[in-house]
Structure formats: structure tokens, C-alpha cells
C-alpha atoms as a PDB file:
ATOM      1  CA  UNK A   1     -71.480 -19.149  -0.761  1.00  0.00           C
ATOM      2  CA  UNK A   2     -68.385 -17.695   0.824  1.00  0.00           C
ATOM      3  CA  UNK A   3     -65.092 -17.689  -1.009  1.00  0.00           C
ATOM      4  CA  UNK A   4     -61.799 -17.605   0.792  1.00  0.00           C
ATOM      5  CA  UNK A   5     -58.894 -15.796  -0.733  1.00  0.00           C
ATOM      6  CA  UNK A   6     -55.423 -17.103  -0.173  1.00  0.00           C
ATOM      7  CA  UNK A   7     -53.201 -14.550   1.489  1.00  0.00           C
ATOM      8  CA  UNK A   8     -50.467 -13.154  -0.700  1.00  0.00           C
ATOM      9  CA  UNK A   9     -46.996 -14.469   0.159  1.00  0.00           C
ATOM     10  CA  UNK A  10     -44.800 -11.913   1.779  1.00  0.00           C
ATOM     11  CA  UNK A  11     -42.317 -10.361  -0.605  1.00  0.00           C
ATOM     12  CA  UNK A  12     -38.726 -11.323   0.005  1.00  0.00           C
ATOM     13  CA  UNK A  13     -36.682  -8.592   1.494  1.00  0.00           C
ATOM     14  CA  UNK A  14     -33.256  -7.805   0.016  1.00  0.00           C
ATOM     15  CA  UNK A  15     -31.709  -9.100   3.228  1.00  0.00           C
ATOM     16  CA  UNK A  16     -33.292 -12.563   2.742  1.00  0.00           C
ATOM     17  CA  UNK A  17     -32.064 -12.759  -0.838  1.00  0.00           C
ATOM     18  CA  UNK A  18     -28.544 -11.845   0.254  1.00  0.00           C
ATOM     19  CA  UNK A  19     -28.352 -14.625   2.843  1.00  0.00           C
ATOM     20  CA  UNK A  20     -29.159 -17.406   0.374  1.00  0.00           C
ATOM     21  CA  UNK A  21     -26.049 -18.943  -1.206  1.00  0.00           C
ATOM     22  CA  UNK A  22     -25.529 -18.705  -4.944  1.00  0.00           C
ATOM     23  CA  UNK A  23     -24.785 -22.440  -5.145  1.00  0.00           C
ATOM     24  CA  UNK A  24     -25.692 -25.170  -2.707  1.00  0.00           C
ATOM     25  CA  UNK A  25     -22.951 -27.043  -0.895  1.00  0.00           C
ATOM     26  CA  UNK A  26     -23.694 -30.189  -2.915  1.00  0.00           C
ATOM     27  CA  UNK A  27     -23.354 -28.359  -6.233  1.00  0.00           C
ATOM     28  CA  UNK A  28     -20.132 -26.690  -5.145  1.00  0.00           C
ATOM     29  CA  UNK A  29     -18.537 -29.967  -4.060  1.00  0.00           C
ATOM     30  CA  UNK A  30     -19.578 -31.730  -7.275  1.00  0.00           C
ATOM     31  CA  UNK A  31     -18.288 -28.945  -9.543  1.00  0.00           C
ATOM     32  CA  UNK A  32     -14.995 -28.512  -7.682  1.00  0.00           C
ATOM     33  CA  UNK A  33     -14.351 -32.251  -7.688  1.00  0.00           C
ATOM     34  CA  UNK A  34     -15.141 -32.430 -11.414  1.00  0.00           C
ATOM     35  CA  UNK A  35     -12.762 -29.515 -12.002  1.00  0.00           C
ATOM     36  CA  UNK A  36      -9.945 -31.285 -10.151  1.00  0.00           C
ATOM     37  CA  UNK A  37     -10.576 -34.461 -12.150  1.00  0.00           C
ATOM     38  CA  UNK A  38     -10.486 -32.462 -15.390  1.00  0.00           C
ATOM     39  CA  UNK A  39      -7.248 -30.748 -14.396  1.00  0.00           C
ATOM     40  CA  UNK A  40      -5.605 -34.066 -13.553  1.00  0.00           C
ATOM     41  CA  UNK A  41      -6.729 -35.659 -16.822  1.00  0.00           C
ATOM     42  CA  UNK A  42      -5.616 -32.636 -18.828  1.00  0.00           C
ATOM     43  CA  UNK A  43      -2.261 -32.456 -17.057  1.00  0.00           C
ATOM     44  CA  UNK A  44      -1.533 -36.132 -17.496  1.00  0.00           C
ATOM     45  CA  UNK A  45      -2.549 -35.949 -21.138  1.00  0.00           C
ATOM     46  CA  UNK A  46      -0.219 -33.009 -21.695  1.00  0.00           C
ATOM     47  CA  UNK A  47       2.659 -34.868 -20.019  1.00  0.00           C
ATOM     48  CA  UNK A  48       2.329 -37.695 -22.525  1.00  0.00           C
ATOM     49  CA  UNK A  49       3.531 -35.347 -25.259  1.00  0.00           C
ATOM     50  CA  UNK A  50       0.225 -34.539 -26.904  1.00  0.00           C
ATOM     51  CA  UNK A  51      -0.445 -30.920 -27.879  1.00  0.00           C
ATOM     52  CA  UNK A  52      -1.864 -28.483 -25.351  1.00  0.00           C
ATOM     53  CA  UNK A  53      -5.117 -28.125 -27.296  1.00  0.00           C
ATOM     54  CA  UNK A  54      -5.728 -31.861 -27.177  1.00  0.00           C
ATOM     55  CA  UNK A  55      -4.926 -31.909 -23.460  1.00  0.00           C
ATOM     56  CA  UNK A  56      -7.442 -29.129 -22.830  1.00  0.00           C
ATOM     57  CA  UNK A  57     -10.084 -31.044 -24.761  1.00  0.00           C
ATOM     58  CA  UNK A  58      -9.316 -34.179 -22.769  1.00  0.00           C
ATOM     59  CA  UNK A  59      -9.615 -32.233 -19.515  1.00  0.00           C
ATOM     60  CA  UNK A  60     -12.908 -30.660 -20.550  1.00  0.00           C
ATOM     61  CA  UNK A  61     -14.247 -34.042 -21.586  1.00  0.00           C
ATOM     62  CA  UNK A  62     -13.186 -35.545 -18.263  1.00  0.00           C
ATOM     63  CA  UNK A  63     -14.848 -32.712 -16.371  1.00  0.00           C
ATOM     64  CA  UNK A  64     -18.076 -33.026 -18.305  1.00  0.00           C
ATOM     65  CA  UNK A  65     -18.199 -36.791 -18.072  1.00  0.00           C
ATOM     66  CA  UNK A  66     -17.485 -36.878 -14.340  1.00  0.00           C
ATOM     67  CA  UNK A  67     -20.087 -34.273 -13.359  1.00  0.00           C
ATOM     68  CA  UNK A  68     -23.233 -36.466 -13.646  1.00  0.00           C
ATOM     69  CA  UNK A  69     -21.419 -39.407 -12.064  1.00  0.00           C
ATOM     70  CA  UNK A  70     -20.271 -37.300  -9.120  1.00  0.00           C
ATOM     71  CA  UNK A  71     -23.749 -35.829  -8.763  1.00  0.00           C
ATOM     72  CA  UNK A  72     -25.201 -39.284  -8.221  1.00  0.00           C
ATOM     73  CA  UNK A  73     -22.333 -40.483  -5.997  1.00  0.00           C
ATOM     74  CA  UNK A  74     -22.056 -37.474  -3.675  1.00  0.00           C
ATOM     75  CA  UNK A  75     -25.151 -37.037  -1.551  1.00  0.00           C
END
């Protein structure tokens, strides 16, 4: 009985690793859009007269809540 060995995958060169982006385009668009939404929500909350800490929390909540929605909407 003859056994066949699978060839070892070629090791990635440092040049190949450097050409791959840190984040995909989809991830970048989703995160930047969520950031803008969070900034708008936080800014509008602050303009209503609520404290800055509460506005930051509102902005962070808006960013976190919009991220999964944007991920499913933007394809």
C-alpha cells in the first residue's frame, strides 16, 4: 500500500503579509459609519443640555447598537 503525503504549504513571505490589509474594506466602512452615527448621537445628546458623560455614553451606545445593523445592511 502506498501512502501519499500532502505537500507542505509554502510559508508566507514577509512581503505577502505586508500586502494584506489590516481590515477589509467592508469592516472599515461599517466601523467608520458606526463611528459617525455615534458622534452624531453624542453631539445631539450634548446639545440638549445633558452632561458630557451622559452624551458620551449615548454616543457609545449608538455606535455599538448600529454596528451589527450596519454589518447586515452593507454588503
